């Protein structure tokens, strides 16, 4: 018969400790990969949301500015009212009654800060701004005449360059730091990031104001 006192099958304390160390290293590595992938996923999701927010705001702004000066009767005097570098006011006679008193016939686009301290692109018609896009760091307008030269005369404006700088809702989870100087289409700086962890995008376009040349 076998003497069970001489049976040496099983694990020693050293073998158990080695297995625990190897398991710990493997679990740590897997968690590190998971954590890294999770950060990348969250970061990419924020970037996608920022770009969608930026593009939708820019699309609405561009479409309405393109209608500036719409005046089918020639009696309303519609056109550019305020040529600000970071705000614009324009009028259009949408109902064709020869006046500019109708709904959405006097529009202002500007930046404003809400009660939570977030800066937004706002559409004002005519008094209280309504948010068009959130987390907008810069809004810039450049007004050009028919020869493509910068002008400060409302009657000479034929096209408008619009630049928007948007940021993510939250700072990046990685070591991203933004010191970028963002410039408009003329190469003029419109915003310089202060070394924070937000990711940003610049979107710029030139709008042909088809009604202003009539």
C-alpha atoms as a PDB file:
ATOM      1  CA  UNK A   1       0.000   0.000   0.000  1.00  0.00           C
ATOM      2  CA  UNK A   2       1.113   3.584  -0.684  1.00  0.00           C
ATOM      3  CA  UNK A   3       2.141   5.586   2.316  1.00  0.00           C
ATOM      4  CA  UNK A   4       0.297   8.917   1.964  1.00  0.00           C
ATOM      5  CA  UNK A   5       2.882  10.535   4.179  1.00  0.00           C
ATOM      6  CA  UNK A   6       5.407  10.190   1.316  1.00  0.00           C
ATOM      7  CA  UNK A   7       3.050  11.647  -1.372  1.00  0.00           C
ATOM      8  CA  UNK A   8       4.682  14.917  -2.650  1.00  0.00           C
ATOM      9  CA  UNK A   9       2.093  15.866  -5.336  1.00  0.00           C
ATOM     10  CA  UNK A  10       0.746  19.497  -5.145  1.00  0.00           C
ATOM     11  CA  UNK A  11       2.077  23.090  -5.122  1.00  0.00           C
ATOM     12  CA  UNK A  12       4.713  24.568  -2.933  1.00  0.00           C
ATOM     13  CA  UNK A  13       4.410  28.018  -1.382  1.00  0.00           C
ATOM     14  CA  UNK A  14       7.035  29.340  -3.803  1.00  0.00           C
ATOM     15  CA  UNK A  15       5.110  28.032  -6.819  1.00  0.00           C
ATOM     16  CA  UNK A  16       1.911  29.660  -5.560  1.00  0.00           C
ATOM     17  CA  UNK A  17       3.714  32.981  -5.041  1.00  0.00           C
ATOM     18  CA  UNK A  18       5.194  32.842  -8.545  1.00  0.00           C
ATOM     19  CA  UNK A  19       1.757  32.110 -10.028  1.00  0.00           C
ATOM     20  CA  UNK A  20       0.278  35.034  -8.101  1.00  0.00           C
ATOM     21  CA  UNK A  21       2.994  37.391  -9.356  1.00  0.00           C
ATOM     22  CA  UNK A  22       2.490  36.284 -12.982  1.00  0.00           C
ATOM     23  CA  UNK A  23      -1.296  36.639 -12.645  1.00  0.00           C
ATOM     24  CA  UNK A  24      -0.878  40.103 -11.128  1.00  0.00           C
ATOM     25  CA  UNK A  25       1.374  41.234 -13.982  1.00  0.00           C
ATOM     26  CA  UNK A  26      -1.093  39.876 -16.573  1.00  0.00           C
ATOM     27  CA  UNK A  27      -4.096  41.535 -14.902  1.00  0.00           C
ATOM     28  CA  UNK A  28      -2.213  44.831 -14.614  1.00  0.00           C
ATOM     29  CA  UNK A  29      -1.288  44.695 -18.300  1.00  0.00           C
ATOM     30  CA  UNK A  30      -4.858  43.928 -19.344  1.00  0.00           C
ATOM     31  CA  UNK A  31      -6.228  46.755 -17.198  1.00  0.00           C
ATOM     32  CA  UNK A  32      -3.653  49.147 -18.646  1.00  0.00           C
ATOM     33  CA  UNK A  33      -4.718  48.250 -22.197  1.00  0.00           C
ATOM     34  CA  UNK A  34      -8.399  48.546 -21.287  1.00  0.00           C
ATOM     35  CA  UNK A  35      -7.872  51.905 -19.569  1.00  0.00           C
ATOM     36  CA  UNK A  36      -5.904  53.224 -22.537  1.00  0.00           C
ATOM     37  CA  UNK A  37      -8.570  52.106 -25.003  1.00  0.00           C
ATOM     38  CA  UNK A  38     -11.290  53.622 -22.838  1.00  0.00           C
ATOM     39  CA  UNK A  39      -9.497  56.997 -22.815  1.00  0.00           C
ATOM     40  CA  UNK A  40      -9.094  56.882 -26.597  1.00  0.00           C
ATOM     41  CA  UNK A  41     -12.786  56.041 -27.027  1.00  0.00           C
ATOM     42  CA  UNK A  42     -13.931  58.887 -24.759  1.00  0.00           C
ATOM     43  CA  UNK A  43     -11.554  61.320 -26.455  1.00  0.00           C
ATOM     44  CA  UNK A  44     -12.714  60.369 -29.956  1.00  0.00           C
ATOM     45  CA  UNK A  45     -16.353  60.624 -28.891  1.00  0.00           C
ATOM     46  CA  UNK A  46     -15.795  64.151 -27.579  1.00  0.00           C
ATOM     47  CA  UNK A  47     -14.034  65.152 -30.807  1.00  0.00           C
ATOM     48  CA  UNK A  48     -16.904  63.813 -32.912  1.00  0.00           C
ATOM     49  CA  UNK A  49     -19.455  65.685 -30.791  1.00  0.00           C
ATOM     50  CA  UNK A  50     -17.406  68.884 -31.049  1.00  0.00           C
ATOM     51  CA  UNK A  51     -17.148  68.625 -34.835  1.00  0.00           C
ATOM     52  CA  UNK A  52     -20.864  67.944 -35.238  1.00  0.00           C
ATOM     53  CA  UNK A  53     -21.670  70.874 -32.967  1.00  0.00           C
ATOM     54  CA  UNK A  54     -19.300  73.139 -34.904  1.00  0.00           C
ATOM     55  CA  UNK A  55     -20.540  72.132 -38.352  1.00  0.00           C
ATOM     56  CA  UNK A  56     -24.232  72.426 -37.491  1.00  0.00           C
ATOM     57  CA  UNK A  57     -23.692  75.900 -36.033  1.00  0.00           C
ATOM     58  CA  UNK A  58     -21.624  77.000 -39.015  1.00  0.00           C
ATOM     59  CA  UNK A  59     -24.211  75.649 -41.483  1.00  0.00           C
ATOM     60  CA  UNK A  60     -27.046  77.637 -39.920  1.00  0.00           C
ATOM     61  CA  UNK A  61     -24.962  80.811 -39.724  1.00  0.00           C
ATOM     62  CA  UNK A  62     -23.755  80.531 -43.329  1.00  0.00           C
ATOM     63  CA  UNK A  63     -27.215  79.860 -44.761  1.00  0.00           C
ATOM     64  CA  UNK A  64     -28.715  82.898 -43.053  1.00  0.00           C
ATOM     65  CA  UNK A  65     -25.844  85.269 -43.837  1.00  0.00           C
ATOM     66  CA  UNK A  66     -26.128  84.237 -47.489  1.00  0.00           C
ATOM     67  CA  UNK A  67     -29.662  85.682 -47.409  1.00  0.00           C
ATOM     68  CA  UNK A  68     -28.503  89.054 -46.024  1.00  0.00           C
ATOM     69  CA  UNK A  69     -29.901  91.915 -48.070  1.00  0.00           C
ATOM     70  CA  UNK A  70     -32.778  89.933 -49.537  1.00  0.00           C
ATOM     71  CA  UNK A  71     -35.182  92.681 -50.615  1.00  0.00           C
ATOM     72  CA  UNK A  72     -37.598  91.591 -53.366  1.00  0.00           C
ATOM     73  CA  UNK A  73     -39.474  94.908 -53.471  1.00  0.00           C
ATOM     74  CA  UNK A  74     -36.376  97.068 -53.224  1.00  0.00           C
ATOM     75  CA  UNK A  75     -38.151  99.155 -50.595  1.00  0.00           C
ATOM     76  CA  UNK A  76     -37.059  97.580 -47.289  1.00  0.00           C
ATOM     77  CA  UNK A  77     -33.410  98.701 -47.378  1.00  0.00           C
ATOM     78  CA  UNK A  78     -32.169  95.288 -46.250  1.00  0.00           C
ATOM     79  CA  UNK A  79     -28.450  94.633 -45.863  1.00  0.00           C
ATOM     80  CA  UNK A  80     -25.574  94.476 -43.390  1.00  0.00           C
ATOM     81  CA  UNK A  81     -26.305  96.602 -40.337  1.00  0.00           C
ATOM     82  CA  UNK A  82     -23.315  95.933 -38.067  1.00  0.00           C
ATOM     83  CA  UNK A  83     -19.876  94.872 -39.340  1.00  0.00           C
ATOM     84  CA  UNK A  84     -18.235  93.651 -36.137  1.00  0.00           C
ATOM     85  CA  UNK A  85     -15.137  91.474 -36.017  1.00  0.00           C
ATOM     86  CA  UNK A  86     -16.876  89.031 -33.658  1.00  0.00           C
ATOM     87  CA  UNK A  87     -20.529  89.891 -34.279  1.00  0.00           C
ATOM     88  CA  UNK A  88     -22.708  90.626 -37.284  1.00  0.00           C
ATOM     89  CA  UNK A  89     -26.202  92.060 -37.705  1.00  0.00           C
ATOM     90  CA  UNK A  90     -28.035  91.876 -41.014  1.00  0.00           C
ATOM     91  CA  UNK A  91     -31.569  92.261 -42.305  1.00  0.00           C
ATOM     92  CA  UNK A  92     -33.702  90.601 -44.997  1.00  0.00           C
ATOM     93  CA  UNK A  93     -37.273  91.107 -46.143  1.00  0.00           C
ATOM     94  CA  UNK A  94     -38.407  87.486 -46.002  1.00  0.00           C
ATOM     95  CA  UNK A  95     -42.148  88.169 -46.365  1.00  0.00           C
ATOM     96  CA  UNK A  96     -41.654  90.688 -49.157  1.00  0.00           C
ATOM     97  CA  UNK A  97     -43.811  93.388 -47.596  1.00  0.00           C
ATOM     98  CA  UNK A  98     -41.276  96.176 -48.050  1.00  0.00           C
ATOM     99  CA  UNK A  99     -40.460  96.393 -44.321  1.00  0.00           C
ATOM    100  CA  UNK A 100     -38.049  94.710 -41.931  1.00  0.00           C
ATOM    101  CA  UNK A 101     -40.454  94.189 -39.041  1.00  0.00           C
ATOM    102  CA  UNK A 102     -41.358  90.578 -39.733  1.00  0.00           C
ATOM    103  CA  UNK A 103     -40.183  87.510 -37.854  1.00  0.00           C
ATOM    104  CA  UNK A 104     -36.506  86.648 -38.374  1.00  0.00           C
ATOM    105  CA  UNK A 105     -35.899  89.673 -40.594  1.00  0.00           C
ATOM    106  CA  UNK A 106     -33.320  91.241 -38.258  1.00  0.00           C
ATOM    107  CA  UNK A 107     -30.644  88.737 -37.210  1.00  0.00           C
ATOM    108  CA  UNK A 108     -27.535  89.055 -35.052  1.00  0.00           C
ATOM    109  CA  UNK A 109     -24.878  86.381 -34.566  1.00  0.00           C
ATOM    110  CA  UNK A 110     -22.545  86.773 -31.600  1.00  0.00           C
ATOM    111  CA  UNK A 111     -20.794  84.975 -28.763  1.00  0.00           C
ATOM    112  CA  UNK A 112     -22.366  84.981 -25.316  1.00  0.00           C
ATOM    113  CA  UNK A 113     -21.801  83.229 -22.001  1.00  0.00           C
ATOM    114  CA  UNK A 114     -24.624  81.298 -20.341  1.00  0.00           C
ATOM    115  CA  UNK A 115     -25.330  80.876 -16.630  1.00  0.00           C
ATOM    116  CA  UNK A 116     -22.974  77.873 -16.463  1.00  0.00           C
ATOM    117  CA  UNK A 117     -20.075  79.927 -17.777  1.00  0.00           C
ATOM    118  CA  UNK A 118     -20.019  78.258 -21.203  1.00  0.00           C
ATOM    119  CA  UNK A 119     -19.409  80.426 -24.235  1.00  0.00           C
ATOM    120  CA  UNK A 120     -21.825  79.792 -27.084  1.00  0.00           C
ATOM    121  CA  UNK A 121     -22.539  80.920 -30.595  1.00  0.00           C
ATOM    122  CA  UNK A 122     -25.817  82.762 -30.317  1.00  0.00           C
ATOM    123  CA  UNK A 123     -28.498  83.804 -32.779  1.00  0.00           C
ATOM    124  CA  UNK A 124     -30.409  86.882 -31.700  1.00  0.00           C
ATOM    125  CA  UNK A 125     -33.685  87.973 -33.318  1.00  0.00           C
ATOM    126  CA  UNK A 126     -34.007  90.611 -32.215  1.00  0.00           C
ATOM    127  CA  UNK A 127     -33.075  90.649 -28.498  1.00  0.00           C
ATOM    128  CA  UNK A 128     -32.506  87.401 -26.558  1.00  0.00           C
ATOM    129  CA  UNK A 129     -29.725  85.170 -27.950  1.00  0.00           C
ATOM    130  CA  UNK A 130     -30.519  81.518 -28.553  1.00  0.00           C
ATOM    131  CA  UNK A 131     -27.715  78.950 -28.590  1.00  0.00           C
ATOM    132  CA  UNK A 132     -26.716  77.674 -32.029  1.00  0.00           C
ATOM    133  CA  UNK A 133     -23.483  75.925 -30.988  1.00  0.00           C
ATOM    134  CA  UNK A 134     -21.825  75.338 -27.616  1.00  0.00           C
ATOM    135  CA  UNK A 135     -18.229  75.628 -26.393  1.00  0.00           C
ATOM    136  CA  UNK A 136     -17.183  78.188 -29.017  1.00  0.00           C
ATOM    137  CA  UNK A 137     -13.923  79.935 -28.147  1.00  0.00           C
ATOM    138  CA  UNK A 138     -13.789  82.355 -31.075  1.00  0.00           C
ATOM    139  CA  UNK A 139     -16.022  83.875 -33.749  1.00  0.00           C
ATOM    140  CA  UNK A 140     -14.495  86.086 -36.421  1.00  0.00           C
ATOM    141  CA  UNK A 141     -15.846  87.955 -39.449  1.00  0.00           C
ATOM    142  CA  UNK A 142     -13.889  89.572 -42.290  1.00  0.00           C
ATOM    143  CA  UNK A 143     -15.834  91.679 -44.799  1.00  0.00           C
ATOM    144  CA  UNK A 144     -14.692  91.845 -48.444  1.00  0.00           C
ATOM    145  CA  UNK A 145     -15.676  94.049 -51.386  1.00  0.00           C
ATOM    146  CA  UNK A 146     -16.175  92.876 -54.991  1.00  0.00           C
ATOM    147  CA  UNK A 147     -12.403  92.881 -55.563  1.00  0.00           C
ATOM    148  CA  UNK A 148     -11.730  90.737 -52.493  1.00  0.00           C
ATOM    149  CA  UNK A 149     -10.318  93.592 -50.440  1.00  0.00           C
ATOM    150  CA  UNK A 150     -11.188  94.082 -46.771  1.00  0.00           C
ATOM    151  CA  UNK A 151     -13.797  96.787 -46.325  1.00  0.00           C
ATOM    152  CA  UNK A 152     -15.505  98.536 -43.423  1.00  0.00           C
ATOM    153  CA  UNK A 153     -18.315  99.906 -45.579  1.00  0.00           C
ATOM    154  CA  UNK A 154     -21.584  97.995 -45.333  1.00  0.00           C
ATOM    155  CA  UNK A 155     -22.634  99.066 -48.828  1.00  0.00           C
ATOM    156  CA  UNK A 156     -19.401  97.679 -50.312  1.00  0.00           C
ATOM    157  CA  UNK A 157     -19.624  94.196 -48.770  1.00  0.00           C
ATOM    158  CA  UNK A 158     -19.988  91.391 -51.307  1.00  0.00           C
ATOM    159  CA  UNK A 159     -18.629  88.418 -49.389  1.00  0.00           C
ATOM    160  CA  UNK A 160     -17.835  87.544 -45.776  1.00  0.00           C
ATOM    161  CA  UNK A 161     -15.216  85.234 -44.311  1.00  0.00           C
ATOM    162  CA  UNK A 162     -16.387  83.447 -41.164  1.00  0.00           C
ATOM    163  CA  UNK A 163     -14.076  81.597 -38.765  1.00  0.00           C
ATOM    164  CA  UNK A 164     -15.150  79.569 -35.735  1.00  0.00           C
ATOM    165  CA  UNK A 165     -13.004  77.893 -33.083  1.00  0.00           C
ATOM    166  CA  UNK A 166     -14.743  75.198 -31.035  1.00  0.00           C
ATOM    167  CA  UNK A 167     -13.479  73.021 -28.186  1.00  0.00           C
ATOM    168  CA  UNK A 168     -14.477  69.755 -26.577  1.00  0.00           C
ATOM    169  CA  UNK A 169     -16.855  69.814 -23.639  1.00  0.00           C
ATOM    170  CA  UNK A 170     -14.217  68.365 -21.286  1.00  0.00           C
ATOM    171  CA  UNK A 171     -10.446  68.295 -21.167  1.00  0.00           C
ATOM    172  CA  UNK A 172      -8.602  65.339 -22.677  1.00  0.00           C
ATOM    173  CA  UNK A 173      -7.831  62.350 -20.435  1.00  0.00           C
ATOM    174  CA  UNK A 174      -4.368  61.945 -21.939  1.00  0.00           C
ATOM    175  CA  UNK A 175      -1.447  64.387 -21.736  1.00  0.00           C
ATOM    176  CA  UNK A 176      -2.728  66.625 -24.530  1.00  0.00           C
ATOM    177  CA  UNK A 177      -1.848  70.312 -24.083  1.00  0.00           C
ATOM    178  CA  UNK A 178      -3.031  73.008 -26.497  1.00  0.00           C
ATOM    179  CA  UNK A 179      -0.842  76.058 -27.143  1.00  0.00           C
ATOM    180  CA  UNK A 180      -2.086  76.589 -30.714  1.00  0.00           C
ATOM    181  CA  UNK A 181      -2.689  80.036 -32.183  1.00  0.00           C
ATOM    182  CA  UNK A 182      -5.742  79.826 -34.431  1.00  0.00           C
ATOM    183  CA  UNK A 183      -5.926  82.165 -37.438  1.00  0.00           C
ATOM    184  CA  UNK A 184      -8.668  83.292 -39.805  1.00  0.00           C
ATOM    185  CA  UNK A 185      -8.500  82.962 -43.597  1.00  0.00           C
ATOM    186  CA  UNK A 186      -6.445  86.165 -43.801  1.00  0.00           C
ATOM    187  CA  UNK A 187      -3.799  84.697 -41.504  1.00  0.00           C
ATOM    188  CA  UNK A 188      -4.742  86.951 -38.585  1.00  0.00           C
ATOM    189  CA  UNK A 189      -4.731  85.323 -35.107  1.00  0.00           C
ATOM    190  CA  UNK A 190      -8.204  85.134 -33.599  1.00  0.00           C
ATOM    191  CA  UNK A 191      -7.574  82.847 -30.616  1.00  0.00           C
ATOM    192  CA  UNK A 192      -4.575  81.479 -28.702  1.00  0.00           C
ATOM    193  CA  UNK A 193      -5.084  78.482 -26.439  1.00  0.00           C
ATOM    194  CA  UNK A 194      -3.715  78.911 -22.946  1.00  0.00           C
ATOM    195  CA  UNK A 195      -2.046  75.523 -22.536  1.00  0.00           C
ATOM    196  CA  UNK A 196      -5.119  73.652 -21.307  1.00  0.00           C
ATOM    197  CA  UNK A 197      -6.120  70.068 -22.125  1.00  0.00           C
ATOM    198  CA  UNK A 198      -9.100  70.836 -24.382  1.00  0.00           C
ATOM    199  CA  UNK A 199      -9.006  69.745 -28.000  1.00  0.00           C
ATOM    200  CA  UNK A 200     -10.084  72.342 -30.545  1.00  0.00           C
ATOM    201  CA  UNK A 201     -11.026  72.671 -34.188  1.00  0.00           C
ATOM    202  CA  UNK A 202     -11.035  75.685 -36.507  1.00  0.00           C
ATOM    203  CA  UNK A 203     -13.659  75.917 -39.235  1.00  0.00           C
ATOM    204  CA  UNK A 204     -13.501  78.750 -41.762  1.00  0.00           C
ATOM    205  CA  UNK A 205     -15.478  79.534 -44.902  1.00  0.00           C
ATOM    206  CA  UNK A 206     -16.185  82.422 -47.271  1.00  0.00           C
ATOM    207  CA  UNK A 207     -19.795  83.332 -47.970  1.00  0.00           C
ATOM    208  CA  UNK A 208     -20.912  84.940 -51.215  1.00  0.00           C
ATOM    209  CA  UNK A 209     -23.645  87.396 -50.274  1.00  0.00           C
ATOM    210  CA  UNK A 210     -25.630  87.117 -53.494  1.00  0.00           C
ATOM    211  CA  UNK A 211     -28.282  89.662 -52.516  1.00  0.00           C
ATOM    212  CA  UNK A 212     -25.862  92.466 -51.633  1.00  0.00           C
ATOM    213  CA  UNK A 213     -24.755  93.005 -55.232  1.00  0.00           C
ATOM    214  CA  UNK A 214     -28.277  93.576 -56.521  1.00  0.00           C
END
